[in-house]
Amino acid sequence: MHKLTRADLLSLETYAQQRAEFRARAMAHKQRRTVHLGEHLTLIFEDRLSVQYQVQEMLRIERIFEAAGIQDELDAYNPLIPDGSNLKATMLIEYPDAEQRKHELVRLRHLEHAIALRVHGHAPVVAIADEDMERSNAEKTAAVHFLRFELAPAMIADWNAGAAVTLASTLPAMPLETTLTPEQRCMLAADFA
């Protein structure tokens, strides 16, 4: 997928006029690209539209309209767009109760390095986490991480041919596995085009 440029973005005024429709479209799109791994772990697989929505929202919230500021946002978010041989996801560790979340983020330390994607017939691919900056420390993990899954051409070919795809947490403190639905597999396969 091509990275976003300033030419792909709407001005603040135009975005304000189109925001309701654009937001509804982006949220429905993100919903189809969301995979729940157990009750407390969510992966939102990013692509060009989801990143464009995020950039547009940041520009709106921060009232950024100067070229340098817009470029800073593009530079921050463009790395989340897959480049044809990978999938990129925002991983959320979700506990509604603040005290429970605090406890769980300690217990789940290093979870971001224990998320694996497996295309049937191939070895699992462990996610590369937080390439832009470390989000965890010696005591706890963060509630949000950015993951990249690099797939070999044979894995992509089998994915496109309909092979089962699973996501798993291999962390002993949270062993989980889920199989992508055919709709999820099809939606994410577009990232390899």
C-alpha atoms as a PDB file:
ATOM      1  CA  MET A   1       0.000   0.000   0.000  1.00  0.00           C
ATOM      2  CA  HIS A   2       1.190   3.477  -0.760  1.00  0.00           C
ATOM      3  CA  LYS A   3       1.965   5.786   2.122  1.00  0.00           C
ATOM      4  CA  LEU A   4      -0.222   8.829   2.659  1.00  0.00           C
ATOM      5  CA  THR A   5       0.892  12.240   1.421  1.00  0.00           C
ATOM      6  CA  ARG A   6      -0.496  15.705   2.081  1.00  0.00           C
ATOM      7  CA  ALA A   7      -2.412  15.426  -1.193  1.00  0.00           C
ATOM      8  CA  ASP A   8      -4.415  12.503   0.278  1.00  0.00           C
ATOM      9  CA  LEU A   9      -5.672  14.555   3.211  1.00  0.00           C
ATOM     10  CA  LEU A  10      -8.683  16.813   3.446  1.00  0.00           C
ATOM     11  CA  SER A  11      -8.301  20.386   4.665  1.00  0.00           C
ATOM     12  CA  LEU A  12      -9.631  21.019   8.182  1.00  0.00           C
ATOM     13  CA  GLU A  13     -12.674  22.797   6.731  1.00  0.00           C
ATOM     14  CA  THR A  14     -13.464  20.042   4.219  1.00  0.00           C
ATOM     15  CA  TYR A  15     -12.905  17.338   6.825  1.00  0.00           C
ATOM     16  CA  ALA A  16     -15.289  19.109   9.212  1.00  0.00           C
ATOM     17  CA  GLN A  17     -17.969  19.062   6.497  1.00  0.00           C
ATOM     18  CA  GLN A  18     -17.392  15.386   5.630  1.00  0.00           C
ATOM     19  CA  ARG A  19     -16.399  14.069   9.066  1.00  0.00           C
ATOM     20  CA  ALA A  20     -19.622  12.273   9.985  1.00  0.00           C
ATOM     21  CA  GLU A  21     -19.691  10.240   6.769  1.00  0.00           C
ATOM     22  CA  PHE A  22     -15.912   9.655   6.737  1.00  0.00           C
ATOM     23  CA  ARG A  23     -15.918   8.608  10.394  1.00  0.00           C
ATOM     24  CA  ALA A  24     -18.825   6.181   9.894  1.00  0.00           C
ATOM     25  CA  ARG A  25     -17.041   4.602   6.915  1.00  0.00           C
ATOM     26  CA  ALA A  26     -13.693   4.377   8.780  1.00  0.00           C
ATOM     27  CA  MET A  27     -15.259   2.884  11.914  1.00  0.00           C
ATOM     28  CA  ALA A  28     -17.164   0.229   9.952  1.00  0.00           C
ATOM     29  CA  HIS A  29     -13.931  -0.571   8.092  1.00  0.00           C
ATOM     30  CA  LYS A  30     -11.943  -0.850  11.349  1.00  0.00           C
ATOM     31  CA  GLN A  31     -14.636  -3.088  12.849  1.00  0.00           C
ATOM     32  CA  ARG A  32     -14.117  -5.614  10.037  1.00  0.00           C
ATOM     33  CA  ARG A  33     -10.353  -5.466  10.662  1.00  0.00           C
ATOM     34  CA  THR A  34     -10.618  -6.051  14.418  1.00  0.00           C
ATOM     35  CA  VAL A  35      -9.729  -9.402  15.971  1.00  0.00           C
ATOM     36  CA  HIS A  36     -10.474 -10.186  19.606  1.00  0.00           C
ATOM     37  CA  LEU A  37      -8.003 -12.545  21.184  1.00  0.00           C
ATOM     38  CA  GLY A  38      -9.806 -13.569  24.323  1.00  0.00           C
ATOM     39  CA  GLU A  39     -11.795 -11.161  26.442  1.00  0.00           C
ATOM     40  CA  HIS A  40      -9.123  -8.527  27.120  1.00  0.00           C
ATOM     41  CA  LEU A  41      -6.904  -8.426  24.039  1.00  0.00           C
ATOM     42  CA  THR A  42      -7.875  -6.673  20.791  1.00  0.00           C
ATOM     43  CA  LEU A  43      -5.860  -6.305  17.603  1.00  0.00           C
ATOM     44  CA  ILE A  44      -6.934  -3.668  15.099  1.00  0.00           C
ATOM     45  CA  PHE A  45      -5.202  -4.324  11.797  1.00  0.00           C
ATOM     46  CA  GLU A  46      -4.265  -0.990  10.300  1.00  0.00           C
ATOM     47  CA  ASP A  47      -4.304  -0.007   6.637  1.00  0.00           C
ATOM     48  CA  ARG A  48      -4.341   3.140   4.552  1.00  0.00           C
ATOM     49  CA  LEU A  49      -7.940   4.096   5.404  1.00  0.00           C
ATOM     50  CA  SER A  50      -7.587   3.496   9.147  1.00  0.00           C
ATOM     51  CA  VAL A  51      -4.373   5.523   9.207  1.00  0.00           C
ATOM     52  CA  GLN A  52      -5.898   8.327   7.131  1.00  0.00           C
ATOM     53  CA  TYR A  53      -8.759   8.522   9.609  1.00  0.00           C
ATOM     54  CA  GLN A  54      -6.298   8.714  12.516  1.00  0.00           C
ATOM     55  CA  VAL A  55      -4.257  11.451  10.832  1.00  0.00           C
ATOM     56  CA  GLN A  56      -7.375  13.459   9.926  1.00  0.00           C
ATOM     57  CA  GLU A  57      -8.590  13.212  13.521  1.00  0.00           C
ATOM     58  CA  MET A  58      -5.229  14.302  14.926  1.00  0.00           C
ATOM     59  CA  LEU A  59      -5.089  17.288  12.571  1.00  0.00           C
ATOM     60  CA  ARG A  60      -8.646  18.205  13.604  1.00  0.00           C
ATOM     61  CA  ILE A  61      -8.095  17.812  17.358  1.00  0.00           C
ATOM     62  CA  GLU A  62      -4.756  19.635  17.351  1.00  0.00           C
ATOM     63  CA  ARG A  63      -5.928  22.210  14.755  1.00  0.00           C
ATOM     64  CA  ILE A  64      -2.855  21.518  12.637  1.00  0.00           C
ATOM     65  CA  PHE A  65      -2.898  23.216   9.258  1.00  0.00           C
ATOM     66  CA  GLU A  66       0.738  24.151   8.599  1.00  0.00           C
ATOM     67  CA  ALA A  67       2.772  21.976   6.239  1.00  0.00           C
ATOM     68  CA  ALA A  68       5.432  21.007   8.799  1.00  0.00           C
ATOM     69  CA  GLY A  69       2.852  19.911  11.367  1.00  0.00           C
ATOM     70  CA  ILE A  70       0.930  17.900   8.792  1.00  0.00           C
ATOM     71  CA  GLN A  71       4.148  16.204   7.696  1.00  0.00           C
ATOM     72  CA  ASP A  72       4.975  15.367  11.328  1.00  0.00           C
ATOM     73  CA  GLU A  73       1.628  13.556  11.643  1.00  0.00           C
ATOM     74  CA  LEU A  74       2.190  11.705   8.363  1.00  0.00           C
ATOM     75  CA  ASP A  75       5.670  10.682   9.509  1.00  0.00           C
ATOM     76  CA  ALA A  76       4.262   9.412  12.811  1.00  0.00           C
ATOM     77  CA  TYR A  77       1.391   7.380  11.331  1.00  0.00           C
ATOM     78  CA  ASN A  78       2.591   6.226   7.886  1.00  0.00           C
ATOM     79  CA  PRO A  79       4.700   3.420   9.413  1.00  0.00           C
ATOM     80  CA  LEU A  80       1.406   1.748  10.441  1.00  0.00           C
ATOM     81  CA  ILE A  81       0.444   1.173   6.792  1.00  0.00           C
ATOM     82  CA  PRO A  82       1.376  -2.354   5.630  1.00  0.00           C
ATOM     83  CA  ASP A  83       3.760  -2.540   2.692  1.00  0.00           C
ATOM     84  CA  GLY A  84       2.701  -5.744   0.925  1.00  0.00           C
ATOM     85  CA  SER A  85       4.605  -8.419   2.837  1.00  0.00           C
ATOM     86  CA  ASN A  86       3.293  -7.715   6.296  1.00  0.00           C
ATOM     87  CA  LEU A  87       0.338  -6.919   8.500  1.00  0.00           C
ATOM     88  CA  LYS A  88       0.434  -4.131  11.061  1.00  0.00           C
ATOM     89  CA  ALA A  89      -1.814  -3.926  14.077  1.00  0.00           C
ATOM     90  CA  THR A  90      -2.540  -1.794  17.089  1.00  0.00           C
ATOM     91  CA  MET A  91      -2.866  -4.117  20.089  1.00  0.00           C
ATOM     92  CA  LEU A  92      -5.024  -3.005  23.010  1.00  0.00           C
ATOM     93  CA  ILE A  93      -4.953  -4.634  26.435  1.00  0.00           C
ATOM     94  CA  GLU A  94      -8.399  -3.794  27.766  1.00  0.00           C
ATOM     95  CA  TYR A  95      -9.614  -3.953  31.348  1.00  0.00           C
ATOM     96  CA  PRO A  96     -12.406  -1.502  32.220  1.00  0.00           C
ATOM     97  CA  ASP A  97     -11.515  -1.382  35.930  1.00  0.00           C
ATOM     98  CA  ALA A  98      -8.433   0.822  36.468  1.00  0.00           C
ATOM     99  CA  GLU A  99      -7.124  -1.163  39.458  1.00  0.00           C
ATOM    100  CA  GLN A 100      -7.496  -4.495  37.669  1.00  0.00           C
ATOM    101  CA  ARG A 101      -5.820  -3.019  34.557  1.00  0.00           C
ATOM    102  CA  LYS A 102      -2.884  -1.814  36.667  1.00  0.00           C
ATOM    103  CA  HIS A 103      -2.451  -5.302  38.143  1.00  0.00           C
ATOM    104  CA  GLU A 104      -2.821  -7.056  34.771  1.00  0.00           C
ATOM    105  CA  LEU A 105      -0.287  -4.815  33.007  1.00  0.00           C
ATOM    106  CA  VAL A 106       2.272  -6.006  35.568  1.00  0.00           C
ATOM    107  CA  ARG A 107       1.228  -9.648  35.184  1.00  0.00           C
ATOM    108  CA  LEU A 108       1.260  -9.453  31.374  1.00  0.00           C
ATOM    109  CA  ARG A 109       4.713  -7.917  31.047  1.00  0.00           C
ATOM    110  CA  HIS A 110       6.308  -8.831  27.671  1.00  0.00           C
ATOM    111  CA  LEU A 111       2.948  -9.811  26.132  1.00  0.00           C
ATOM    112  CA  GLU A 112       3.765  -7.687  23.092  1.00  0.00           C
ATOM    113  CA  HIS A 113       6.640 -10.084  22.289  1.00  0.00           C
ATOM    114  CA  ALA A 114       4.427 -13.167  22.596  1.00  0.00           C
ATOM    115  CA  ILE A 115       1.813 -12.573  19.897  1.00  0.00           C
ATOM    116  CA  ALA A 116       2.052 -14.992  16.979  1.00  0.00           C
ATOM    117  CA  LEU A 117       0.257 -15.340  13.664  1.00  0.00           C
ATOM    118  CA  ARG A 118       0.161 -18.722  11.955  1.00  0.00           C
ATOM    119  CA  VAL A 119      -0.872 -19.574   8.418  1.00  0.00           C
ATOM    120  CA  HIS A 120      -1.779 -23.277   8.352  1.00  0.00           C
ATOM    121  CA  GLY A 121       1.169 -25.346   7.134  1.00  0.00           C
ATOM    122  CA  HIS A 122       3.784 -22.754   8.145  1.00  0.00           C
ATOM    123  CA  ALA A 123       5.688 -21.921  11.296  1.00  0.00           C
ATOM    124  CA  PRO A 124       4.175 -19.149  13.416  1.00  0.00           C
ATOM    125  CA  VAL A 125       5.399 -15.590  12.888  1.00  0.00           C
ATOM    126  CA  VAL A 126       6.017 -13.734  16.137  1.00  0.00           C
ATOM    127  CA  ALA A 127       5.083 -10.059  16.025  1.00  0.00           C
ATOM    128  CA  ILE A 128       7.765  -7.401  15.997  1.00  0.00           C
ATOM    129  CA  ALA A 129       6.593  -4.939  18.636  1.00  0.00           C
ATOM    130  CA  ASP A 130       6.937  -1.196  19.125  1.00  0.00           C
ATOM    131  CA  GLU A 131       9.595  -0.435  16.544  1.00  0.00           C
ATOM    132  CA  ASP A 132       9.233   3.323  16.983  1.00  0.00           C
ATOM    133  CA  MET A 133       9.794   3.292  20.765  1.00  0.00           C
ATOM    134  CA  GLU A 134       9.685   0.947  23.727  1.00  0.00           C
ATOM    135  CA  ARG A 135       6.330   1.143  25.459  1.00  0.00           C
ATOM    136  CA  SER A 136       7.009  -1.186  28.372  1.00  0.00           C
ATOM    137  CA  ASN A 137       9.464  -1.107  31.218  1.00  0.00           C
ATOM    138  CA  ALA A 138      10.944  -3.563  33.696  1.00  0.00           C
ATOM    139  CA  GLU A 139       7.815  -3.526  35.849  1.00  0.00           C
ATOM    140  CA  LYS A 140       4.901  -3.547  33.416  1.00  0.00           C
ATOM    141  CA  THR A 141       3.715  -3.603  29.853  1.00  0.00           C
ATOM    142  CA  ALA A 142       1.805  -0.746  28.234  1.00  0.00           C
ATOM    143  CA  ALA A 143      -1.906  -0.967  27.409  1.00  0.00           C
ATOM    144  CA  VAL A 144      -1.258  -0.122  23.715  1.00  0.00           C
ATOM    145  CA  HIS A 145       1.350  -1.629  21.386  1.00  0.00           C
ATOM    146  CA  PHE A 146       2.075  -1.485  17.667  1.00  0.00           C
ATOM    147  CA  LEU A 147       2.836  -4.846  16.036  1.00  0.00           C
ATOM    148  CA  ARG A 148       4.195  -5.942  12.671  1.00  0.00           C
ATOM    149  CA  PHE A 149       3.861  -9.485  11.293  1.00  0.00           C
ATOM    150  CA  GLU A 150       6.257 -10.252   8.402  1.00  0.00           C
ATOM    151  CA  LEU A 151       5.018 -13.015   6.106  1.00  0.00           C
ATOM    152  CA  ALA A 152       7.021 -14.991   3.547  1.00  0.00           C
ATOM    153  CA  PRO A 153       5.683 -15.178  -0.036  1.00  0.00           C
ATOM    154  CA  ALA A 154       4.644 -18.841   0.440  1.00  0.00           C
ATOM    155  CA  MET A 155       2.611 -17.897   3.515  1.00  0.00           C
ATOM    156  CA  ILE A 156       0.855 -15.125   1.603  1.00  0.00           C
ATOM    157  CA  ALA A 157       0.125 -17.499  -1.284  1.00  0.00           C
ATOM    158  CA  ASP A 158      -1.402 -20.056   1.090  1.00  0.00           C
ATOM    159  CA  TRP A 159      -3.351 -17.319   2.896  1.00  0.00           C
ATOM    160  CA  ASN A 160      -4.788 -16.186  -0.455  1.00  0.00           C
ATOM    161  CA  ALA A 161      -5.591 -19.818  -1.320  1.00  0.00           C
ATOM    162  CA  GLY A 162      -7.767 -20.083   1.793  1.00  0.00           C
ATOM    163  CA  ALA A 163      -5.466 -21.586   4.438  1.00  0.00           C
ATOM    164  CA  ALA A 164      -6.639 -21.192   8.033  1.00  0.00           C
ATOM    165  CA  VAL A 165      -5.001 -18.321   9.922  1.00  0.00           C
ATOM    166  CA  THR A 166      -4.705 -18.183  13.695  1.00  0.00           C
ATOM    167  CA  LEU A 167      -3.573 -15.541  16.147  1.00  0.00           C
ATOM    168  CA  ALA A 168      -2.200 -16.577  19.512  1.00  0.00           C
ATOM    169  CA  SER A 169      -0.763 -15.249  22.709  1.00  0.00           C
ATOM    170  CA  THR A 170       2.032 -17.576  23.793  1.00  0.00           C
ATOM    171  CA  LEU A 171       2.641 -15.742  27.066  1.00  0.00           C
ATOM    172  CA  PRO A 172       2.233 -18.298  29.888  1.00  0.00           C
ATOM    173  CA  ALA A 173       0.244 -15.729  31.895  1.00  0.00           C
ATOM    174  CA  MET A 174      -2.292 -15.393  29.048  1.00  0.00           C
ATOM    175  CA  PRO A 175      -2.360 -18.366  26.668  1.00  0.00           C
ATOM    176  CA  LEU A 176      -4.980 -17.674  23.997  1.00  0.00           C
ATOM    177  CA  GLU A 177      -5.698 -18.601  20.399  1.00  0.00           C
ATOM    178  CA  THR A 178      -8.326 -17.629  17.858  1.00  0.00           C
ATOM    179  CA  THR A 179      -8.907 -18.458  14.212  1.00  0.00           C
ATOM    180  CA  LEU A 180      -9.663 -15.641  11.816  1.00  0.00           C
ATOM    181  CA  THR A 181     -13.071 -15.801  10.200  1.00  0.00           C
ATOM    182  CA  PRO A 182     -13.227 -16.079   6.399  1.00  0.00           C
ATOM    183  CA  GLU A 183     -14.338 -12.410   6.288  1.00  0.00           C
ATOM    184  CA  GLN A 184     -11.343 -11.332   8.410  1.00  0.00           C
ATOM    185  CA  ARG A 185      -8.957 -13.408   6.293  1.00  0.00           C
ATOM    186  CA  CYS A 186     -10.339 -11.872   3.102  1.00  0.00           C
ATOM    187  CA  MET A 187     -10.254  -8.315   4.491  1.00  0.00           C
ATOM    188  CA  LEU A 188      -6.646  -8.633   5.683  1.00  0.00           C
ATOM    189  CA  ALA A 189      -5.526 -10.329   2.445  1.00  0.00           C
ATOM    190  CA  ALA A 190      -6.011  -6.953   0.753  1.00  0.00           C
ATOM    191  CA  ASP A 191      -2.922  -5.780   2.652  1.00  0.00           C
ATOM    192  CA  PHE A 192      -0.770  -8.099   0.535  1.00  0.00           C
ATOM    193  CA  ALA A 193      -1.876  -6.584  -2.788  1.00  0.00           C
END
